[in-house]
């Protein structure tokens, strides 16, 4: 979860990243940093794929440690995993993505409202998933890497 300025306010971005190929597989924006935001992000992903047996790693934020969220994980057959308290390195992959999003898009085109933030995030995630070549993926984008391995 990260926050992004939208004019005089902030919006909150929840993202799920597949660590196999670094692909952003689900994301949601909200005006509130709450449990609904992370549950909506998880539901978005669960509508597109079967999540049984998947491990979902997160930090120890209140949303991810709540009884309600963990009940949802259990219903979907997802195993929850949490970073160690106070250890930012446990979430380095998603923090790196947030850093790239902000420095390569958000800070360059300051949004005046939440709709503009949504457009920026959508554009960047499409770029990141389809066109951002990554050294660890043999200089392929996340989607290209996934499709090459599957073929």
Protein backbone atom coordinates (compact mmCIF):
# COMPACT_ATOMS: atom_id res chain seq x y z
CA UNK A 1 0.00 0.00 0.00
CA UNK A 2 1.21 3.49 -0.81
CA UNK A 3 -0.29 6.94 -0.97
CA UNK A 4 -0.29 9.42 -3.87
CA UNK A 5 -1.11 13.11 -3.85
CA UNK A 6 -4.20 14.06 -5.87
CA UNK A 7 -4.40 17.84 -5.72
CA UNK A 8 -4.93 18.77 -2.08
CA UNK A 9 -5.81 15.21 -1.03
CA UNK A 10 -4.23 11.78 -1.06
CA UNK A 11 -5.43 8.56 -2.61
CA UNK A 12 -4.23 5.13 -1.56
CA UNK A 13 -2.97 2.46 -3.92
CA UNK A 14 -3.14 -1.23 -3.12
CA UNK A 15 -1.17 -3.53 -5.43
CA UNK A 16 -0.63 -7.27 -5.75
CA UNK A 17 2.59 -8.24 -7.50
CA UNK A 18 3.41 -11.74 -8.72
CA UNK A 19 6.97 -12.37 -7.58
CA UNK A 20 7.49 -15.02 -10.24
CA UNK A 21 7.82 -12.37 -12.94
CA UNK A 22 7.19 -9.10 -11.04
CA UNK A 23 3.93 -8.57 -12.92
CA UNK A 24 1.31 -6.35 -11.30
CA UNK A 25 -1.69 -8.67 -11.30
CA UNK A 26 -4.22 -6.53 -9.40
CA UNK A 27 -4.51 -2.97 -8.14
CA UNK A 28 -7.10 -0.62 -6.69
CA UNK A 29 -7.21 3.03 -5.68
CA UNK A 30 -9.29 4.49 -2.88
CA UNK A 31 -9.76 7.74 -1.04
CA UNK A 32 -9.44 5.72 2.17
CA UNK A 33 -6.66 3.58 3.55
CA UNK A 34 -8.85 0.84 4.93
CA UNK A 35 -9.64 -2.86 4.94
CA UNK A 36 -12.06 -2.53 2.01
CA UNK A 37 -9.25 -1.36 -0.25
CA UNK A 38 -7.07 -4.43 0.27
CA UNK A 39 -10.04 -6.80 0.19
CA UNK A 40 -11.27 -5.25 -3.07
CA UNK A 41 -7.79 -5.70 -4.57
CA UNK A 42 -7.76 -9.35 -3.54
CA UNK A 43 -11.31 -9.90 -4.85
CA UNK A 44 -10.32 -8.34 -8.19
CA UNK A 45 -7.56 -10.93 -8.54
CA UNK A 46 -9.70 -13.83 -7.32
CA UNK A 47 -12.28 -13.10 -10.04
CA UNK A 48 -9.62 -13.60 -12.71
CA UNK A 49 -7.82 -16.66 -11.34
CA UNK A 50 -8.02 -19.48 -8.85
CA UNK A 51 -5.92 -18.49 -5.86
CA UNK A 52 -6.00 -21.81 -4.00
CA UNK A 53 -2.49 -22.66 -2.81
CA UNK A 54 -1.11 -19.18 -3.48
CA UNK A 55 0.95 -17.38 -0.83
CA UNK A 56 0.13 -13.69 -0.39
CA UNK A 57 2.93 -11.78 1.31
CA UNK A 58 2.32 -8.42 2.96
CA UNK A 59 3.61 -6.18 5.67
CA UNK A 60 2.01 -6.17 9.11
CA UNK A 61 -0.38 -3.31 8.43
CA UNK A 62 -3.70 -3.42 10.24
CA UNK A 63 -5.56 -4.34 7.05
CA UNK A 64 -3.48 -7.47 6.43
CA UNK A 65 -3.49 -8.70 10.01
CA UNK A 66 -7.22 -8.19 10.56
CA UNK A 67 -9.46 -11.14 11.29
CA UNK A 68 -11.71 -10.22 8.38
CA UNK A 69 -8.87 -10.16 5.82
CA UNK A 70 -7.46 -13.44 7.08
CA UNK A 71 -10.93 -14.98 6.90
CA UNK A 72 -11.10 -13.90 3.24
CA UNK A 73 -7.69 -15.46 2.59
CA UNK A 74 -8.87 -18.68 4.16
CA UNK A 75 -12.07 -18.73 2.09
CA UNK A 76 -10.01 -18.28 -1.09
CA UNK A 77 -7.50 -20.96 -0.07
CA UNK A 78 -4.68 -18.41 0.14
CA UNK A 79 -1.84 -18.73 2.61
CA UNK A 80 -0.98 -15.43 4.32
CA UNK A 81 2.62 -14.41 4.95
CA UNK A 82 3.79 -11.30 6.78
CA UNK A 83 7.08 -9.48 6.87
CA UNK A 84 9.02 -9.29 10.05
CA UNK A 85 8.15 -6.31 12.20
CA UNK A 86 10.26 -3.30 11.31
CA UNK A 87 12.08 -5.01 8.43
CA UNK A 88 11.46 -3.08 5.21
CA UNK A 89 13.68 -5.45 3.23
CA UNK A 90 10.99 -8.13 3.43
CA UNK A 91 8.86 -6.03 1.07
CA UNK A 92 11.65 -4.77 -1.18
CA UNK A 93 9.99 -5.93 -4.42
CA UNK A 94 6.78 -3.97 -4.00
CA UNK A 95 8.57 -0.99 -2.46
CA UNK A 96 10.83 -0.94 -5.53
CA UNK A 97 7.77 -0.94 -7.79
CA UNK A 98 6.23 1.96 -5.84
CA UNK A 99 9.48 3.89 -6.12
CA UNK A 100 9.60 3.40 -9.90
CA UNK A 101 5.93 4.34 -10.27
CA UNK A 102 6.41 7.56 -8.35
CA UNK A 103 9.73 8.68 -9.83
CA UNK A 104 8.96 7.69 -13.42
CA UNK A 105 5.33 8.83 -13.58
CA UNK A 106 3.63 10.34 -10.53
CA UNK A 107 6.21 12.99 -9.59
CA UNK A 108 6.63 14.03 -13.24
CA UNK A 109 2.92 14.64 -13.85
CA UNK A 110 1.36 15.86 -10.63
CA UNK A 111 -2.30 14.92 -10.65
CA UNK A 112 -4.98 17.45 -9.78
CA UNK A 113 -7.59 14.88 -8.75
CA UNK A 114 -8.13 11.15 -8.11
CA UNK A 115 -9.24 10.51 -11.71
CA UNK A 116 -5.90 11.79 -12.98
CA UNK A 117 -4.04 9.58 -10.49
CA UNK A 118 -6.04 6.58 -11.69
CA UNK A 119 -5.11 7.36 -15.30
CA UNK A 120 -1.43 7.72 -14.40
CA UNK A 121 -1.35 4.48 -12.41
CA UNK A 122 -3.18 2.60 -15.16
CA UNK A 123 -0.76 3.87 -17.82
CA UNK A 124 2.29 3.09 -15.74
CA UNK A 125 1.19 -0.43 -14.81
CA UNK A 126 0.48 -1.21 -18.48
CA UNK A 127 3.95 0.11 -19.36
CA UNK A 128 5.60 -1.75 -16.48
CA UNK A 129 3.92 -5.08 -17.25
CA UNK A 130 4.32 -4.98 -21.05
CA UNK A 131 7.30 -2.75 -21.88
CA UNK A 132 9.60 -2.37 -18.86
CA UNK A 133 12.45 -4.77 -19.49
CA UNK A 134 14.04 -6.20 -16.36
CA UNK A 135 17.50 -7.67 -16.11
CA UNK A 136 16.42 -10.50 -13.81
CA UNK A 137 13.84 -11.54 -16.43
CA UNK A 138 16.48 -11.95 -19.15
CA UNK A 139 15.80 -8.40 -20.34
CA UNK A 140 12.13 -9.11 -20.90
CA UNK A 141 9.04 -7.39 -19.57
CA UNK A 142 7.02 -9.28 -16.95
CA UNK A 143 4.32 -10.29 -19.45
CA UNK A 144 6.83 -11.23 -22.14
CA UNK A 145 8.74 -13.36 -19.62
CA UNK A 146 5.57 -15.16 -18.50
CA UNK A 147 4.45 -15.79 -22.07
CA UNK A 148 7.91 -17.03 -23.13
CA UNK A 149 8.11 -19.50 -20.25
CA UNK A 150 4.58 -20.78 -20.90
CA UNK A 151 5.21 -21.30 -24.63
